[in-house]
């Protein structure tokens, strides 16, 4: 029995392209646009072409791992060696280029450390504070709010009776 429907636009080279795009951080919607197909078609290709799905996952995983490594390094600080070419004069008319190596130190970046810890140990490092109100306190707050609303209502009635204009009316 012959297959019915439109032939696929999928090309084997799309797997390599998808890998490279995913390294750049594109999401599925953007990838579909770059390949000039719908998201539905992209999802269909993931199901029908395992090499395509593997390329997507590998690209996204590698990109995420590289970013995580960069964040980790910024959070803890790091050292690296830098090579700088310098002209050195030898005698009156002669110059030579010498490569000078130096150790550079990148200090810890507080915000990167916070972000890393908030994501890795959320319960210990989250920025959110939880406030628990005891039932008596909640009742007291609700009572005070009710009294305040009643006072506003009485004030508005008094102004209406006196013929004053109420703002917003």
Protein backbone atom coordinates (compact mmCIF):
# COMPACT_ATOMS: atom_id res chain seq x y z
CA UNK A 1 0.00 0.00 0.00
CA UNK A 2 1.42 3.38 -1.01
CA UNK A 3 1.94 6.14 1.55
CA UNK A 4 -0.64 8.89 1.41
CA UNK A 5 0.12 12.54 2.13
CA UNK A 6 2.67 15.15 1.36
CA UNK A 7 6.32 14.05 1.14
CA UNK A 8 8.55 15.23 3.98
CA UNK A 9 10.71 18.33 3.65
CA UNK A 10 13.22 16.80 6.05
CA UNK A 11 16.82 16.63 4.87
CA UNK A 12 19.58 14.72 6.70
CA UNK A 13 21.73 17.89 6.92
CA UNK A 14 19.05 19.43 9.16
CA UNK A 15 20.36 17.31 12.06
CA UNK A 16 23.76 19.06 11.94
CA UNK A 17 22.14 22.48 11.46
CA UNK A 18 19.83 21.86 14.42
CA UNK A 19 22.81 20.88 16.59
CA UNK A 20 24.63 24.12 15.75
CA UNK A 21 21.54 26.28 16.27
CA UNK A 22 20.89 24.63 19.64
CA UNK A 23 24.48 25.42 20.68
CA UNK A 24 23.54 29.05 20.11
CA UNK A 25 20.61 28.66 22.51
CA UNK A 26 17.66 28.68 20.12
CA UNK A 27 14.41 27.14 21.29
CA UNK A 28 12.15 24.90 19.21
CA UNK A 29 9.93 27.74 18.02
CA UNK A 30 12.95 29.70 16.76
CA UNK A 31 14.46 26.57 15.22
CA UNK A 32 11.25 25.91 13.30
CA UNK A 33 11.39 29.47 11.94
CA UNK A 34 15.05 29.08 10.96
CA UNK A 35 14.27 25.85 9.11
CA UNK A 36 11.18 27.46 7.59
CA UNK A 37 8.73 24.89 8.98
CA UNK A 38 5.98 24.87 11.60
CA UNK A 39 6.58 23.71 15.17
CA UNK A 40 4.24 20.80 14.41
CA UNK A 41 6.52 19.72 11.55
CA UNK A 42 9.58 20.07 13.77
CA UNK A 43 7.93 17.83 16.39
CA UNK A 44 7.03 15.33 13.69
CA UNK A 45 10.67 15.22 12.57
CA UNK A 46 11.73 14.52 16.15
CA UNK A 47 9.50 11.45 16.17
CA UNK A 48 10.34 10.18 12.68
CA UNK A 49 14.07 10.96 12.55
CA UNK A 50 15.93 9.84 15.70
CA UNK A 51 19.20 11.43 14.51
CA UNK A 52 17.43 14.80 14.35
CA UNK A 53 16.11 14.47 17.92
CA UNK A 54 19.55 13.36 19.16
CA UNK A 55 21.17 16.40 17.54
CA UNK A 56 18.68 18.74 19.19
CA UNK A 57 19.19 17.21 22.61
CA UNK A 58 22.98 17.09 22.26
CA UNK A 59 23.16 20.73 21.18
CA UNK A 60 20.91 21.94 23.98
CA UNK A 61 22.71 19.81 26.57
CA UNK A 62 26.16 20.95 25.47
CA UNK A 63 25.11 24.61 25.40
CA UNK A 64 23.57 24.35 28.87
CA UNK A 65 26.66 22.57 30.19
CA UNK A 66 28.96 25.27 28.80
CA UNK A 67 26.88 28.05 30.35
CA UNK A 68 26.71 26.18 33.67
CA UNK A 69 30.49 25.77 33.64
CA UNK A 70 30.97 29.47 32.91
CA UNK A 71 28.59 30.42 35.72
CA UNK A 72 30.34 28.02 38.09
CA UNK A 73 33.75 29.48 37.23
CA UNK A 74 32.50 33.05 37.74
CA UNK A 75 30.92 32.02 41.04
CA UNK A 76 34.14 30.56 42.45
CA UNK A 77 36.67 32.77 40.65
CA UNK A 78 39.49 31.37 38.55
CA UNK A 79 42.99 31.92 37.22
CA UNK A 80 44.30 31.79 33.69
CA UNK A 81 47.52 32.45 31.86
CA UNK A 82 47.69 35.26 29.33
CA UNK A 83 50.31 35.67 26.62
CA UNK A 84 51.15 39.21 25.52
CA UNK A 85 53.48 40.03 22.61
CA UNK A 86 55.91 42.84 23.47
CA UNK A 87 58.46 44.56 21.23
CA UNK A 88 61.92 44.53 22.74
CA UNK A 89 64.67 46.72 21.36
CA UNK A 90 67.98 44.94 20.90
CA UNK A 91 70.73 47.39 20.10
CA UNK A 92 70.09 50.56 18.08
CA UNK A 93 68.31 49.22 15.01
CA UNK A 94 67.02 45.80 15.94
CA UNK A 95 63.69 44.86 17.55
CA UNK A 96 62.39 41.48 18.55
CA UNK A 97 58.95 40.39 19.63
CA UNK A 98 58.92 38.48 22.89
CA UNK A 99 55.90 36.67 24.30
CA UNK A 100 55.43 37.48 27.99
CA UNK A 101 53.26 35.14 30.03
CA UNK A 102 51.35 36.46 33.01
CA UNK A 103 48.90 34.94 35.46
CA UNK A 104 45.51 36.66 35.59
CA UNK A 105 43.09 36.21 38.46
CA UNK A 106 39.34 36.63 37.98
CA UNK A 107 37.77 37.15 41.42
CA UNK A 108 34.59 35.54 42.67
CA UNK A 109 31.47 37.23 41.37
CA UNK A 110 28.89 37.45 44.13
CA UNK A 111 25.82 37.49 41.88
CA UNK A 112 26.99 34.38 40.00
CA UNK A 113 27.54 32.59 43.33
CA UNK A 114 24.06 33.60 44.53
CA UNK A 115 22.46 32.39 41.31
CA UNK A 116 24.34 29.11 41.44
CA UNK A 117 23.39 28.44 45.07
CA UNK A 118 19.76 29.51 44.59
CA UNK A 119 19.41 26.99 41.78
CA UNK A 120 21.41 24.18 43.38
CA UNK A 121 20.27 24.56 47.00
CA UNK A 122 16.99 26.38 46.70
CA UNK A 123 15.73 25.61 50.20
CA UNK A 124 18.82 27.18 51.80
CA UNK A 125 19.48 30.10 49.45
CA UNK A 126 16.19 31.31 47.99
CA UNK A 127 15.42 35.03 48.02
CA UNK A 128 11.83 34.44 49.02
CA UNK A 129 10.72 34.86 52.60
CA UNK A 130 7.70 33.05 53.93
CA UNK A 131 5.61 34.80 56.58
CA UNK A 132 3.17 32.71 58.53
CA UNK A 133 0.32 34.52 60.26
CA UNK A 134 -1.20 32.92 63.31
CA UNK A 135 -5.00 32.64 63.27
CA UNK A 136 -5.46 35.26 66.03
CA UNK A 137 -3.27 37.71 64.12
CA UNK A 138 -5.16 37.04 60.90
CA UNK A 139 -8.47 37.66 62.67
CA UNK A 140 -7.13 40.91 64.15
CA UNK A 141 -5.95 42.10 60.72
CA UNK A 142 -9.29 41.18 59.12
CA UNK A 143 -11.14 43.04 61.92
CA UNK A 144 -8.99 46.15 61.50
CA UNK A 145 -9.53 46.10 57.72
CA UNK A 146 -13.27 45.76 58.23
CA UNK A 147 -13.32 48.69 60.68
CA UNK A 148 -11.30 50.81 58.23
CA UNK A 149 -13.69 49.98 55.37
CA UNK A 150 -16.68 50.90 57.56
CA UNK A 151 -15.01 54.20 58.49
CA UNK A 152 -14.44 55.03 54.80
CA UNK A 153 -18.04 54.17 54.01
CA UNK A 154 -19.35 56.42 56.80
CA UNK A 155 -17.08 59.25 55.61
CA UNK A 156 -18.39 58.89 52.05
CA UNK A 157 -22.02 58.95 53.30
CA UNK A 158 -21.35 62.09 55.33
CA UNK A 159 -19.88 63.82 52.27
CA UNK A 160 -22.89 62.83 50.17
CA UNK A 161 -25.28 64.20 52.75
CA UNK A 162 -23.26 67.43 52.95
CA UNK A 163 -23.32 67.67 49.12
CA UNK A 164 -19.55 67.41 48.69
CA UNK A 165 -18.09 65.97 45.52
CA UNK A 166 -16.32 62.68 46.06
CA UNK A 167 -13.20 62.19 43.92
CA UNK A 168 -13.57 59.63 41.18
CA UNK A 169 -17.33 60.04 40.95
